[in-house]
Amino acid sequence: MSLPDGRTAGTLSPPEERPRLGVVFTVIAAGVAMANLDVFIVNVALPDIGHQFSGTSLASLSWVLNAYAVVFAALLVPAGNLADRVNPRTAYLSGIVLFTLSSVLCALAPGIWFLVGRGCCRRSARRC
């Protein structure tokens, strides 16, 4: 039996799967929310971070925010380039895993300069 477009009934391709836009939107929104929430949490927690690492100056504490912003901005373009070259799903999930591991390392930070990325500062070396 021939179809109007010339194909036969035996050559029909399976119906295409429709993208699950709700799931995709939810996953992407969760990643964006994680990144934004992290910035806000650090701003709110800055006084507690200062108390945790006693003797830390406000200038040192401000470097925690600056380092986060600089690293986040510096990695956006290379991460986008990587996602263009490899599977975007793999790049996205790798970014979420890297973000989560980095957050765990920050939670376990022995000193303020560990948060900034230089290792332990001299004042908190006893905690290292």
PDB file of N, CA and C in Angstrom:
ATOM      1  N   MET A   1       0.844  -1.170   0.000  1.00  0.00           N
ATOM      2  CA  MET A   1       0.000   0.000   0.000  1.00  0.00           C
ATOM      3  C   MET A   1       0.891   1.236   0.000  1.00  0.00           C
ATOM      4  N   SER A   2       0.555   2.191  -0.830  1.00  0.00           N
ATOM      5  CA  SER A   2       1.350   3.398  -0.984  1.00  0.00           C
ATOM      6  C   SER A   2       0.674   4.574  -0.276  1.00  0.00           C
ATOM      7  N   LEU A   3       1.492   5.360   0.378  1.00  0.00           N
ATOM      8  CA  LEU A   3       0.998   6.547   1.077  1.00  0.00           C
ATOM      9  C   LEU A   3       1.054   7.750   0.146  1.00  0.00           C
ATOM     10  N   PRO A   4       0.360   8.850   0.479  1.00  0.00           N
ATOM     11  CA  PRO A   4       0.345  10.022  -0.397  1.00  0.00           C
ATOM     12  C   PRO A   4       1.733  10.599  -0.680  1.00  0.00           C
ATOM     13  N   ASP A   5       2.691  10.438   0.227  1.00  0.00           N
ATOM     14  CA  ASP A   5       4.018  11.009  -0.022  1.00  0.00           C
ATOM     15  C   ASP A   5       4.949  10.033  -0.734  1.00  0.00           C
ATOM     16  N   GLY A   6       4.428   8.866  -1.159  1.00  0.00           N
ATOM     17  CA  GLY A   6       5.220   7.933  -1.946  1.00  0.00           C
ATOM     18  C   GLY A   6       5.839   6.819  -1.125  1.00  0.00           C
ATOM     19  N   ARG A   7       5.818   6.924   0.181  1.00  0.00           N
ATOM     20  CA  ARG A   7       6.377   5.861   1.015  1.00  0.00           C
ATOM     21  C   ARG A   7       5.376   4.725   1.122  1.00  0.00           C
ATOM     22  N   THR A   8       5.898   3.557   1.402  1.00  0.00           N
ATOM     23  CA  THR A   8       5.011   2.419   1.623  1.00  0.00           C
ATOM     24  C   THR A   8       4.816   2.240   3.115  1.00  0.00           C
ATOM     25  N   ALA A   9       3.819   1.492   3.489  1.00  0.00           N
ATOM     26  CA  ALA A   9       3.489   1.295   4.903  1.00  0.00           C
ATOM     27  C   ALA A   9       4.639   0.634   5.647  1.00  0.00           C
ATOM     28  N   GLY A  10       5.475  -0.152   4.981  1.00  0.00           N
ATOM     29  CA  GLY A  10       6.596  -0.829   5.629  1.00  0.00           C
ATOM     30  C   GLY A  10       7.772   0.094   5.926  1.00  0.00           C
ATOM     31  N   THR A  11       7.814   1.262   5.320  1.00  0.00           N
ATOM     32  CA  THR A  11       8.962   2.160   5.515  1.00  0.00           C
ATOM     33  C   THR A  11       8.653   3.316   6.447  1.00  0.00           C
ATOM     34  N   LEU A  12       7.571   3.215   7.182  1.00  0.00           N
ATOM     35  CA  LEU A  12       7.233   4.294   8.104  1.00  0.00           C
ATOM     36  C   LEU A  12       8.262   4.358   9.228  1.00  0.00           C
ATOM     37  N   SER A  13       8.675   5.541   9.529  1.00  0.00           N
ATOM     38  CA  SER A  13       9.610   5.707  10.644  1.00  0.00           C
ATOM     39  C   SER A  13       8.801   5.840  11.933  1.00  0.00           C
ATOM     40  N   PRO A  14       9.413   5.474  13.062  1.00  0.00           N
ATOM     41  CA  PRO A  14       8.678   5.596  14.325  1.00  0.00           C
ATOM     42  C   PRO A  14       8.390   7.064  14.618  1.00  0.00           C
ATOM     43  N   PRO A  15       7.308   7.331  15.318  1.00  0.00           N
ATOM     44  CA  PRO A  15       6.976   8.734  15.617  1.00  0.00           C
ATOM     45  C   PRO A  15       8.088   9.368  16.458  1.00  0.00           C
ATOM     46  N   GLU A  16       8.354  10.619  16.162  1.00  0.00           N
ATOM     47  CA  GLU A  16       9.406  11.328  16.890  1.00  0.00           C
ATOM     48  C   GLU A  16       8.947  11.613  18.312  1.00  0.00           C
ATOM     49  N   GLU A  17       9.891  11.474  19.246  1.00  0.00           N
ATOM     50  CA  GLU A  17       9.584  11.756  20.645  1.00  0.00           C
ATOM     51  C   GLU A  17       9.595  13.259  20.868  1.00  0.00           C
ATOM     52  N   ARG A  18       8.544  13.745  21.482  1.00  0.00           N
ATOM     53  CA  ARG A  18       8.458  15.178  21.755  1.00  0.00           C
ATOM     54  C   ARG A  18       9.345  15.519  22.943  1.00  0.00           C
ATOM     55  N   PRO A  19      10.032  16.651  22.869  1.00  0.00           N
ATOM     56  CA  PRO A  19      10.878  17.023  24.004  1.00  0.00           C
ATOM     57  C   PRO A  19      10.033  17.300  25.243  1.00  0.00           C
ATOM     58  N   ARG A  20      10.565  16.908  26.378  1.00  0.00           N
ATOM     59  CA  ARG A  20       9.874  17.140  27.640  1.00  0.00           C
ATOM     60  C   ARG A  20      10.314  18.497  28.166  1.00  0.00           C
ATOM     61  N   LEU A  21       9.677  19.543  27.677  1.00  0.00           N
ATOM     62  CA  LEU A  21      10.095  20.898  27.998  1.00  0.00           C
ATOM     63  C   LEU A  21       9.950  21.221  29.481  1.00  0.00           C
ATOM     64  N   GLY A  22       8.961  20.666  30.138  1.00  0.00           N
ATOM     65  CA  GLY A  22       8.783  20.913  31.567  1.00  0.00           C
ATOM     66  C   GLY A  22       9.956  20.390  32.383  1.00  0.00           C
ATOM     67  N   VAL A  23      10.431  19.195  32.037  1.00  0.00           N
ATOM     68  CA  VAL A  23      11.567  18.611  32.745  1.00  0.00           C
ATOM     69  C   VAL A  23      12.835  19.414  32.459  1.00  0.00           C
ATOM     70  N   VAL A  24      13.041  19.758  31.206  1.00  0.00           N
ATOM     71  CA  VAL A  24      14.224  20.535  30.834  1.00  0.00           C
ATOM     72  C   VAL A  24      14.213  21.886  31.546  1.00  0.00           C
ATOM     73  N   PHE A  25      13.071  22.555  31.543  1.00  0.00           N
ATOM     74  CA  PHE A  25      12.970  23.848  32.218  1.00  0.00           C
ATOM     75  C   PHE A  25      13.258  23.717  33.707  1.00  0.00           C
ATOM     76  N   THR A  26      12.726  22.678  34.342  1.00  0.00           N
ATOM     77  CA  THR A  26      12.928  22.475  35.774  1.00  0.00           C
ATOM     78  C   THR A  26      14.400  22.238  36.103  1.00  0.00           C
ATOM     79  N   VAL A  27      15.074  21.431  35.315  1.00  0.00           N
ATOM     80  CA  VAL A  27      16.490  21.140  35.564  1.00  0.00           C
ATOM     81  C   VAL A  27      17.340  22.389  35.367  1.00  0.00           C
ATOM     82  N   ILE A  28      17.094  23.136  34.306  1.00  0.00           N
ATOM     83  CA  ILE A  28      17.859  24.361  34.048  1.00  0.00           C
ATOM     84  C   ILE A  28      17.565  25.399  35.119  1.00  0.00           C
ATOM     85  N   ALA A  29      16.305  25.553  35.486  1.00  0.00           N
ATOM     86  CA  ALA A  29      15.941  26.532  36.523  1.00  0.00           C
ATOM     87  C   ALA A  29      16.575  26.174  37.865  1.00  0.00           C
ATOM     88  N   ALA A  30      16.668  24.883  38.163  1.00  0.00           N
ATOM     89  CA  ALA A  30      17.301  24.459  39.420  1.00  0.00           C
ATOM     90  C   ALA A  30      18.780  24.833  39.431  1.00  0.00           C
ATOM     91  N   GLY A  31      19.472  24.667  38.315  1.00  0.00           N
ATOM     92  CA  GLY A  31      20.882  25.051  38.236  1.00  0.00           C
ATOM     93  C   GLY A  31      21.082  26.543  38.387  1.00  0.00           C
ATOM     94  N   VAL A  32      20.241  27.329  37.739  1.00  0.00           N
ATOM     95  CA  VAL A  32      20.323  28.791  37.860  1.00  0.00           C
ATOM     96  C   VAL A  32      20.006  29.216  39.289  1.00  0.00           C
ATOM     97  N   ALA A  33      19.014  28.587  39.885  1.00  0.00           N
ATOM     98  CA  ALA A  33      18.657  28.906  41.276  1.00  0.00           C
ATOM     99  C   ALA A  33      19.798  28.563  42.218  1.00  0.00           C
ATOM    100  N   MET A  34      20.485  27.438  41.987  1.00  0.00           N
ATOM    101  CA  MET A  34      21.625  27.072  42.832  1.00  0.00           C
ATOM    102  C   MET A  34      22.711  28.124  42.777  1.00  0.00           C
ATOM    103  N   ALA A  35      23.045  28.592  41.587  1.00  0.00           N
ATOM    104  CA  ALA A  35      24.111  29.583  41.443  1.00  0.00           C
ATOM    105  C   ALA A  35      23.720  30.904  42.095  1.00  0.00           C
ATOM    106  N   ASN A  36      22.495  31.361  41.862  1.00  0.00           N
ATOM    107  CA  ASN A  36      22.057  32.627  42.460  1.00  0.00           C
ATOM    108  C   ASN A  36      21.916  32.522  43.972  1.00  0.00           C
ATOM    109  N   LEU A  37      21.375  31.428  44.432  1.00  0.00           N
ATOM    110  CA  LEU A  37      21.209  31.229  45.869  1.00  0.00           C
ATOM    111  C   LEU A  37      22.556  31.196  46.571  1.00  0.00           C
ATOM    112  N   ASP A  38      23.546  30.610  45.912  1.00  0.00           N
ATOM    113  CA  ASP A  38      24.880  30.547  46.505  1.00  0.00           C
ATOM    114  C   ASP A  38      25.449  31.938  46.746  1.00  0.00           C
ATOM    115  N   VAL A  39      25.268  32.842  45.787  1.00  0.00           N
ATOM    116  CA  VAL A  39      25.765  34.217  45.958  1.00  0.00           C
ATOM    117  C   VAL A  39      25.043  34.900  47.108  1.00  0.00           C
ATOM    118  N   PHE A  40      23.736  34.747  47.168  1.00  0.00           N
ATOM    119  CA  PHE A  40      22.970  35.396  48.235  1.00  0.00           C
ATOM    120  C   PHE A  40      23.305  34.809  49.602  1.00  0.00           C
ATOM    121  N   ILE A  41      23.500  33.512  49.661  1.00  0.00           N
ATOM    122  CA  ILE A  41      23.826  32.873  50.934  1.00  0.00           C
ATOM    123  C   ILE A  41      25.171  33.368  51.444  1.00  0.00           C
ATOM    124  N   VAL A  42      26.141  33.503  50.554  1.00  0.00           N
ATOM    125  CA  VAL A  42      27.458  33.999  50.983  1.00  0.00           C
ATOM    126  C   VAL A  42      27.339  35.426  51.496  1.00  0.00           C
ATOM    127  N   ASN A  43      26.545  36.243  50.838  1.00  0.00           N
ATOM    128  CA  ASN A  43      26.349  37.624  51.329  1.00  0.00           C
ATOM    129  C   ASN A  43      25.720  37.640  52.710  1.00  0.00           C
ATOM    130  N   VAL A  44      24.710  36.818  52.914  1.00  0.00           N
ATOM    131  CA  VAL A  44      24.022  36.778  54.202  1.00  0.00           C
ATOM    132  C   VAL A  44      24.916  36.162  55.279  1.00  0.00           C
ATOM    133  N   ALA A  45      25.694  35.164  54.901  1.00  0.00           N
ATOM    134  CA  ALA A  45      26.518  34.443  55.873  1.00  0.00           C
ATOM    135  C   ALA A  45      27.858  35.115  56.153  1.00  0.00           C
ATOM    136  N   LEU A  46      28.165  36.201  55.489  1.00  0.00           N
ATOM    137  CA  LEU A  46      29.470  36.842  55.661  1.00  0.00           C
ATOM    138  C   LEU A  46      29.792  37.181  57.120  1.00  0.00           C
ATOM    139  N   PRO A  47      28.860  37.736  57.911  1.00  0.00           N
ATOM    140  CA  PRO A  47      29.187  37.977  59.324  1.00  0.00           C
ATOM    141  C   PRO A  47      29.492  36.682  60.087  1.00  0.00           C
ATOM    142  N   ASP A  48      28.753  35.606  59.798  1.00  0.00           N
ATOM    143  CA  ASP A  48      29.015  34.330  60.464  1.00  0.00           C
ATOM    144  C   ASP A  48      30.357  33.745  60.037  1.00  0.00           C
ATOM    145  N   ILE A  49      30.715  33.928  58.782  1.00  0.00           N
ATOM    146  CA  ILE A  49      32.026  33.473  58.313  1.00  0.00           C
ATOM    147  C   ILE A  49      33.117  34.225  59.068  1.00  0.00           C
ATOM    148  N   GLY A  50      32.923  35.537  59.261  1.00  0.00           N
ATOM    149  CA  GLY A  50      33.882  36.332  60.015  1.00  0.00           C
ATOM    150  C   GLY A  50      34.015  35.858  61.447  1.00  0.00           C
ATOM    151  N   HIS A  51      32.914  35.461  62.080  1.00  0.00           N
ATOM    152  CA  HIS A  51      32.973  34.949  63.455  1.00  0.00           C
ATOM    153  C   HIS A  51      33.634  33.576  63.503  1.00  0.00           C
ATOM    154  N   GLN A  52      33.359  32.747  62.499  1.00  0.00           N
ATOM    155  CA  GLN A  52      33.947  31.407  62.450  1.00  0.00           C
ATOM    156  C   GLN A  52      35.460  31.479  62.351  1.00  0.00           C
ATOM    157  N   PHE A  53      35.941  32.367  61.510  1.00  0.00           N
ATOM    158  CA  PHE A  53      37.377  32.567  61.351  1.00  0.00           C
ATOM    159  C   PHE A  53      37.741  33.845  62.094  1.00  0.00           C
ATOM    160  N   SER A  54      37.819  33.748  63.410  1.00  0.00           N
ATOM    161  CA  SER A  54      38.001  34.934  64.254  1.00  0.00           C
ATOM    162  C   SER A  54      39.268  35.678  63.862  1.00  0.00           C
ATOM    163  N   GLY A  55      39.163  36.977  63.952  1.00  0.00           N
ATOM    164  CA  GLY A  55      40.295  37.832  63.621  1.00  0.00           C
ATOM    165  C   GLY A  55      40.393  38.161  62.142  1.00  0.00           C
ATOM    166  N   THR A  56      39.425  37.743  61.365  1.00  0.00           N
ATOM    167  CA  THR A  56      39.444  38.010  59.930  1.00  0.00           C
ATOM    168  C   THR A  56      38.907  39.410  59.668  1.00  0.00           C
ATOM    169  N   SER A  57      39.633  40.166  58.884  1.00  0.00           N
ATOM    170  CA  SER A  57      39.214  41.543  58.592  1.00  0.00           C
ATOM    171  C   SER A  57      38.099  41.547  57.552  1.00  0.00           C
ATOM    172  N   LEU A  58      37.409  42.672  57.483  1.00  0.00           N
ATOM    173  CA  LEU A  58      36.349  42.837  56.489  1.00  0.00           C
ATOM    174  C   LEU A  58      36.924  42.782  55.078  1.00  0.00           C
ATOM    175  N   ALA A  59      38.140  43.293  54.916  1.00  0.00           N
ATOM    176  CA  ALA A  59      38.781  43.249  53.593  1.00  0.00           C
ATOM    177  C   ALA A  59      39.020  41.800  53.162  1.00  0.00           C
ATOM    178  N   SER A  60      39.452  40.960  54.097  1.00  0.00           N
ATOM    179  CA  SER A  60      39.659  39.544  53.768  1.00  0.00           C
ATOM    180  C   SER A  60      38.341  38.857  53.446  1.00  0.00           C
ATOM    181  N   LEU A  61      37.308  39.212  54.200  1.00  0.00           N
ATOM    182  CA  LEU A  61      35.992  38.623  53.937  1.00  0.00           C
ATOM    183  C   LEU A  61      35.457  39.037  52.571  1.00  0.00           C
ATOM    184  N   SER A  62      35.716  40.271  52.175  1.00  0.00           N
ATOM    185  CA  SER A  62      35.216  40.715  50.875  1.00  0.00           C
ATOM    186  C   SER A  62      35.871  39.955  49.728  1.00  0.00           C
ATOM    187  N   TRP A  63      37.080  39.423  49.975  1.00  0.00           N
ATOM    188  CA  TRP A  63      37.743  38.633  48.946  1.00  0.00           C
ATOM    189  C   TRP A  63      37.009  37.328  48.675  1.00  0.00           C
ATOM    190  N   VAL A  64      36.273  36.825  49.656  1.00  0.00           N
ATOM    191  CA  VAL A  64      35.484  35.609  49.427  1.00  0.00           C
ATOM    192  C   VAL A  64      34.455  35.871  48.332  1.00  0.00           C
ATOM    193  N   LEU A  65      33.746  36.994  48.438  1.00  0.00           N
ATOM    194  CA  LEU A  65      32.755  37.351  47.411  1.00  0.00           C
ATOM    195  C   LEU A  65      33.419  37.655  46.072  1.00  0.00           C
ATOM    196  N   ASN A  66      34.536  38.400  46.126  1.00  0.00           N
ATOM    197  CA  ASN A  66      35.227  38.753  44.882  1.00  0.00           C
ATOM    198  C   ASN A  66      35.744  37.518  44.158  1.00  0.00           C
ATOM    199  N   ALA A  67      36.334  36.589  44.914  1.00  0.00           N
ATOM    200  CA  ALA A  67      36.874  35.378  44.290  1.00  0.00           C
ATOM    201  C   ALA A  67      35.766  34.563  43.639  1.00  0.00           C
ATOM    202  N   TYR A  68      34.628  34.464  44.321  1.00  0.00           N
ATOM    203  CA  TYR A  68      33.513  33.711  43.747  1.00  0.00           C
ATOM    204  C   TYR A  68      33.055  34.361  42.437  1.00  0.00           C
ATOM    205  N   ALA A  69      32.888  35.666  42.452  1.00  0.00           N
ATOM    206  CA  ALA A  69      32.411  36.367  41.251  1.00  0.00           C
ATOM    207  C   ALA A  69      33.404  36.246  40.101  1.00  0.00           C
ATOM    208  N   VAL A  70      34.695  36.380  40.395  1.00  0.00           N
ATOM    209  CA  VAL A  70      35.708  36.315  39.342  1.00  0.00           C
ATOM    210  C   VAL A  70      35.776  34.910  38.749  1.00  0.00           C
ATOM    211  N   VAL A  71      35.796  33.893  39.596  1.00  0.00           N
ATOM    212  CA  VAL A  71      35.874  32.519  39.093  1.00  0.00           C
ATOM    213  C   VAL A  71      34.614  32.164  38.306  1.00  0.00           C
ATOM    214  N   PHE A  72      33.455  32.541  38.822  1.00  0.00           N
ATOM    215  CA  PHE A  72      32.199  32.263  38.127  1.00  0.00           C
ATOM    216  C   PHE A  72      32.195  32.915  36.743  1.00  0.00           C
ATOM    217  N   ALA A  73      32.576  34.186  36.673  1.00  0.00           N
ATOM    218  CA  ALA A  73      32.590  34.891  35.391  1.00  0.00           C
ATOM    219  C   ALA A  73      33.648  34.331  34.448  1.00  0.00           C
ATOM    220  N   ALA A  74      34.799  33.966  34.996  1.00  0.00           N
ATOM    221  CA  ALA A  74      35.886  33.457  34.159  1.00  0.00           C
ATOM    222  C   ALA A  74      35.563  32.088  33.572  1.00  0.00           C
ATOM    223  N   LEU A  75      34.751  31.305  34.259  1.00  0.00           N
ATOM    224  CA  LEU A  75      34.435  29.963  33.770  1.00  0.00           C
ATOM    225  C   LEU A  75      33.214  29.907  32.859  1.00  0.00           C
ATOM    226  N   LEU A  76      32.443  30.972  32.768  1.00  0.00           N
ATOM    227  CA  LEU A  76      31.230  30.940  31.948  1.00  0.00           C
ATOM    228  C   LEU A  76      31.524  30.695  30.466  1.00  0.00           C
ATOM    229  N   VAL A  77      32.453  31.437  29.901  1.00  0.00           N
ATOM    230  CA  VAL A  77      32.739  31.303  28.468  1.00  0.00           C
ATOM    231  C   VAL A  77      33.392  29.956  28.150  1.00  0.00           C
ATOM    232  N   PRO A  78      34.443  29.541  28.890  1.00  0.00           N
ATOM    233  CA  PRO A  78      34.998  28.210  28.586  1.00  0.00           C
ATOM    234  C   PRO A  78      33.991  27.079  28.782  1.00  0.00           C
ATOM    235  N   ALA A  79      33.129  27.192  29.780  1.00  0.00           N
ATOM    236  CA  ALA A  79      32.119  26.148  29.988  1.00  0.00           C
ATOM    237  C   ALA A  79      31.118  26.133  28.836  1.00  0.00           C
ATOM    238  N   GLY A  80      30.738  27.289  28.344  1.00  0.00           N
ATOM    239  CA  GLY A  80      29.849  27.349  27.179  1.00  0.00           C
ATOM    240  C   GLY A  80      30.504  26.769  25.945  1.00  0.00           C
ATOM    241  N   ASN A  81      31.785  27.050  25.767  1.00  0.00           N
ATOM    242  CA  ASN A  81      32.530  26.503  24.640  1.00  0.00           C
ATOM    243  C   ASN A  81      32.610  24.981  24.752  1.00  0.00           C
ATOM    244  N   LEU A  82      32.870  24.484  25.947  1.00  0.00           N
ATOM    245  CA  LEU A  82      32.914  23.036  26.167  1.00  0.00           C
ATOM    246  C   LEU A  82      31.558  22.398  25.859  1.00  0.00           C
ATOM    247  N   ALA A  83      30.496  23.042  26.289  1.00  0.00           N
ATOM    248  CA  ALA A  83      29.155  22.508  26.036  1.00  0.00           C
ATOM    249  C   ALA A  83      28.842  22.479  24.540  1.00  0.00           C
ATOM    250  N   ASP A  84      29.396  23.429  23.785  1.00  0.00           N
ATOM    251  CA  ASP A  84      29.193  23.430  22.336  1.00  0.00           C
ATOM    252  C   ASP A  84      29.946  22.287  21.661  1.00  0.00           C
ATOM    253  N   ARG A  85      31.089  21.893  22.233  1.00  0.00           N
ATOM    254  CA  ARG A  85      31.923  20.859  21.623  1.00  0.00           C
ATOM    255  C   ARG A  85      31.550  19.449  22.052  1.00  0.00           C
ATOM    256  N   VAL A  86      31.029  19.299  23.249  1.00  0.00           N
ATOM    257  CA  VAL A  86      30.625  17.972  23.730  1.00  0.00           C
ATOM    258  C   VAL A  86      29.115  17.978  23.922  1.00  0.00           C
ATOM    259  N   ASN A  87      28.611  16.935  24.463  1.00  0.00           N
ATOM    260  CA  ASN A  87      27.178  16.833  24.726  1.00  0.00           C
ATOM    261  C   ASN A  87      26.778  17.885  25.769  1.00  0.00           C
ATOM    262  N   PRO A  88      25.825  18.765  25.470  1.00  0.00           N
ATOM    263  CA  PRO A  88      25.425  19.797  26.439  1.00  0.00           C
ATOM    264  C   PRO A  88      24.929  19.217  27.762  1.00  0.00           C
ATOM    265  N   ARG A  89      24.257  18.081  27.711  1.00  0.00           N
ATOM    266  CA  ARG A  89      23.778  17.452  28.951  1.00  0.00           C
ATOM    267  C   ARG A  89      24.958  17.046  29.834  1.00  0.00           C
ATOM    268  N   THR A  90      25.986  16.464  29.223  1.00  0.00           N
ATOM    269  CA  THR A  90      27.178  16.054  29.970  1.00  0.00           C
ATOM    270  C   THR A  90      27.886  17.266  30.556  1.00  0.00           C
ATOM    271  N   ALA A  91      28.010  18.329  29.778  1.00  0.00           N
ATOM    272  CA  ALA A  91      28.667  19.538  30.266  1.00  0.00           C
ATOM    273  C   ALA A  91      27.878  20.155  31.420  1.00  0.00           C
ATOM    274  N   TYR A  92      26.565  20.182  31.315  1.00  0.00           N
ATOM    275  CA  TYR A  92      25.720  20.758  32.370  1.00  0.00           C
ATOM    276  C   TYR A  92      25.836  19.949  33.656  1.00  0.00           C
ATOM    277  N   LEU A  93      25.697  18.638  33.543  1.00  0.00           N
ATOM    278  CA  LEU A  93      25.782  17.785  34.727  1.00  0.00           C
ATOM    279  C   LEU A  93      27.179  17.825  35.340  1.00  0.00           C
ATOM    280  N   SER A  94      28.212  17.918  34.508  1.00  0.00           N
ATOM    281  CA  SER A  94      29.573  18.052  35.028  1.00  0.00           C
ATOM    282  C   SER A  94      29.722  19.359  35.796  1.00  0.00           C
ATOM    283  N   GLY A  95      29.119  20.420  35.283  1.00  0.00           N
ATOM    284  CA  GLY A  95      29.155  21.703  35.982  1.00  0.00           C
ATOM    285  C   GLY A  95      28.438  21.644  37.320  1.00  0.00           C
ATOM    286  N   ILE A  96      27.312  20.960  37.376  1.00  0.00           N
ATOM    287  CA  ILE A  96      26.577  20.809  38.643  1.00  0.00           C
ATOM    288  C   ILE A  96      27.407  20.015  39.645  1.00  0.00           C
ATOM    289  N   VAL A  97      28.065  18.946  39.179  1.00  0.00           N
ATOM    290  CA  VAL A  97      28.911  18.145  40.069  1.00  0.00           C
ATOM    291  C   VAL A  97      30.093  18.977  40.565  1.00  0.00           C
ATOM    292  N   LEU A  98      30.748  19.717  39.672  1.00  0.00           N
ATOM    293  CA  LEU A  98      31.871  20.570  40.061  1.00  0.00           C
ATOM    294  C   LEU A  98      31.426  21.636  41.064  1.00  0.00           C
ATOM    295  N   PHE A  99      30.278  22.234  40.826  1.00  0.00           N
ATOM    296  CA  PHE A  99      29.728  23.240  41.729  1.00  0.00           C
ATOM    297  C   PHE A  99      29.466  22.635  43.106  1.00  0.00           C
ATOM    298  N   THR A 100      28.878  21.452  43.143  1.00  0.00           N
ATOM    299  CA  THR A 100      28.560  20.796  44.410  1.00  0.00           C
ATOM    300  C   THR A 100      29.827  20.429  45.170  1.00  0.00           C
ATOM    301  N   LEU A 101      30.816  19.869  44.479  1.00  0.00           N
ATOM    302  CA  LEU A 101      32.079  19.527  45.134  1.00  0.00           C
ATOM    303  C   LEU A 101      32.798  20.768  45.655  1.00  0.00           C
ATOM    304  N   SER A 102      32.754  21.836  44.891  1.00  0.00           N
ATOM    305  CA  SER A 102      33.366  23.092  45.338  1.00  0.00           C
ATOM    306  C   SER A 102      32.662  23.629  46.576  1.00  0.00           C
ATOM    307  N   SER A 103      31.355  23.506  46.620  1.00  0.00           N
ATOM    308  CA  SER A 103      30.604  23.956  47.789  1.00  0.00           C
ATOM    309  C   SER A 103      30.946  23.131  49.022  1.00  0.00           C
ATOM    310  N   VAL A 104      31.134  21.832  48.833  1.00  0.00           N
ATOM    311  CA  VAL A 104      31.532  20.976  49.953  1.00  0.00           C
ATOM    312  C   VAL A 104      32.915  21.372  50.450  1.00  0.00           C
ATOM    313  N   LEU A 105      33.845  21.626  49.536  1.00  0.00           N
ATOM    314  CA  LEU A 105      35.186  22.063  49.941  1.00  0.00           C
ATOM    315  C   LEU A 105      35.135  23.386  50.696  1.00  0.00           C
ATOM    316  N   CYS A 106      34.271  24.292  50.272  1.00  0.00           N
ATOM    317  CA  CYS A 106      34.123  25.564  50.981  1.00  0.00           C
ATOM    318  C   CYS A 106      33.552  25.343  52.378  1.00  0.00           C
ATOM    319  N   ALA A 107      32.649  24.403  52.508  1.00  0.00           N
ATOM    320  CA  ALA A 107      32.076  24.113  53.829  1.00  0.00           C
ATOM    321  C   ALA A 107      33.122  23.538  54.770  1.00  0.00           C
ATOM    322  N   LEU A 108      34.108  22.849  54.229  1.00  0.00           N
ATOM    323  CA  LEU A 108      35.163  22.239  55.034  1.00  0.00           C
ATOM    324  C   LEU A 108      36.404  23.122  55.142  1.00  0.00           C
ATOM    325  N   ALA A 109      36.313  24.358  54.701  1.00  0.00           N
ATOM    326  CA  ALA A 109      37.473  25.251  54.653  1.00  0.00           C
ATOM    327  C   ALA A 109      38.098  25.435  56.032  1.00  0.00           C
ATOM    328  N   PRO A 110      39.415  25.232  56.132  1.00  0.00           N
ATOM    329  CA  PRO A 110      40.097  25.426  57.405  1.00  0.00           C
ATOM    330  C   PRO A 110      40.461  26.887  57.682  1.00  0.00           C
ATOM    331  N   GLY A 111      40.397  27.733  56.685  1.00  0.00           N
ATOM    332  CA  GLY A 111      40.758  29.139  56.867  1.00  0.00           C
ATOM    333  C   GLY A 111      40.127  30.010  55.804  1.00  0.00           C
ATOM    334  N   ILE A 112      40.145  31.304  56.053  1.00  0.00           N
ATOM    335  CA  ILE A 112      39.508  32.250  55.131  1.00  0.00           C
ATOM    336  C   ILE A 112      40.186  32.239  53.766  1.00  0.00           C
ATOM    337  N   TRP A 113      41.492  32.098  53.738  1.00  0.00           N
ATOM    338  CA  TRP A 113      42.189  32.125  52.448  1.00  0.00           C
ATOM    339  C   TRP A 113      41.983  30.840  51.661  1.00  0.00           C
ATOM    340  N   PHE A 114      41.575  29.782  52.332  1.00  0.00           N
ATOM    341  CA  PHE A 114      41.169  28.574  51.608  1.00  0.00           C
ATOM    342  C   PHE A 114      39.921  28.872  50.793  1.00  0.00           C
ATOM    343  N   LEU A 115      39.026  29.667  51.373  1.00  0.00           N
ATOM    344  CA  LEU A 115      37.816  30.057  50.642  1.00  0.00           C
ATOM    345  C   LEU A 115      38.157  30.907  49.428  1.00  0.00           C
ATOM    346  N   VAL A 116      39.145  31.738  49.579  1.00  0.00           N
ATOM    347  CA  VAL A 116      39.544  32.608  48.473  1.00  0.00           C
ATOM    348  C   VAL A 116      40.316  31.810  47.423  1.00  0.00           C
ATOM    349  N   GLY A 117      40.969  30.751  47.833  1.00  0.00           N
ATOM    350  CA  GLY A 117      41.663  29.910  46.866  1.00  0.00           C
ATOM    351  C   GLY A 117      43.162  29.889  47.008  1.00  0.00           C
ATOM    352  N   ARG A 118      43.695  30.439  48.076  1.00  0.00           N
ATOM    353  CA  ARG A 118      45.145  30.491  48.244  1.00  0.00           C
ATOM    354  C   ARG A 118      45.648  29.483  49.261  1.00  0.00           C
ATOM    355  N   GLY A 119      44.804  28.740  49.889  1.00  0.00           N
ATOM    356  CA  GLY A 119      45.235  27.849  50.962  1.00  0.00           C
ATOM    357  C   GLY A 119      44.957  28.508  52.304  1.00  0.00           C
ATOM    358  N   CYS A 120      45.571  28.005  53.325  1.00  0.00           N
ATOM    359  CA  CYS A 120      45.296  28.509  54.676  1.00  0.00           C
ATOM    360  C   CYS A 120      46.056  29.804  54.941  1.00  0.00           C
ATOM    361  N   CYS A 121      45.406  30.690  55.651  1.00  0.00           N
ATOM    362  CA  CYS A 121      46.106  31.891  56.078  1.00  0.00           C
ATOM    363  C   CYS A 121      46.880  31.574  57.357  1.00  0.00           C
ATOM    364  N   ARG A 122      47.829  32.403  57.701  1.00  0.00           N
ATOM    365  CA  ARG A 122      48.680  32.136  58.858  1.00  0.00           C
ATOM    366  C   ARG A 122      47.891  32.109  60.153  1.00  0.00           C
ATOM    367  N   ARG A 123      46.882  32.956  60.284  1.00  0.00           N
ATOM    368  CA  ARG A 123      46.127  33.000  61.526  1.00  0.00           C
ATOM    369  C   ARG A 123      45.371  31.723  61.801  1.00  0.00           C
ATOM    370  N   SER A 124      44.937  31.061  60.736  1.00  0.00           N
ATOM    371  CA  SER A 124      44.151  29.834  60.955  1.00  0.00           C
ATOM    372  C   SER A 124      44.967  28.588  60.638  1.00  0.00           C
ATOM    373  N   ALA A 125      46.279  28.711  60.600  1.00  0.00           N
ATOM    374  CA  ALA A 125      47.120  27.562  60.276  1.00  0.00           C
ATOM    375  C   ALA A 125      46.954  26.441  61.298  1.00  0.00           C
ATOM    376  N   ARG A 126      46.597  26.786  62.525  1.00  0.00           N
ATOM    377  CA  ARG A 126      46.405  25.741  63.533  1.00  0.00           C
ATOM    378  C   ARG A 126      45.231  24.837  63.180  1.00  0.00           C
ATOM    379  N   ARG A 127      44.312  25.299  62.315  1.00  0.00           N
ATOM    380  CA  ARG A 127      43.161  24.484  61.927  1.00  0.00           C
ATOM    381  C   ARG A 127      43.447  23.627  60.707  1.00  0.00           C
ATOM    382  N   CYS A 128      44.548  23.868  60.028  1.00  0.00           N
ATOM    383  CA  CYS A 128      44.838  23.163  58.775  1.00  0.00           C
ATOM    384  C   CYS A 128      45.218  21.713  58.997  1.00  0.00           C
TER     385      CYS A 128
END
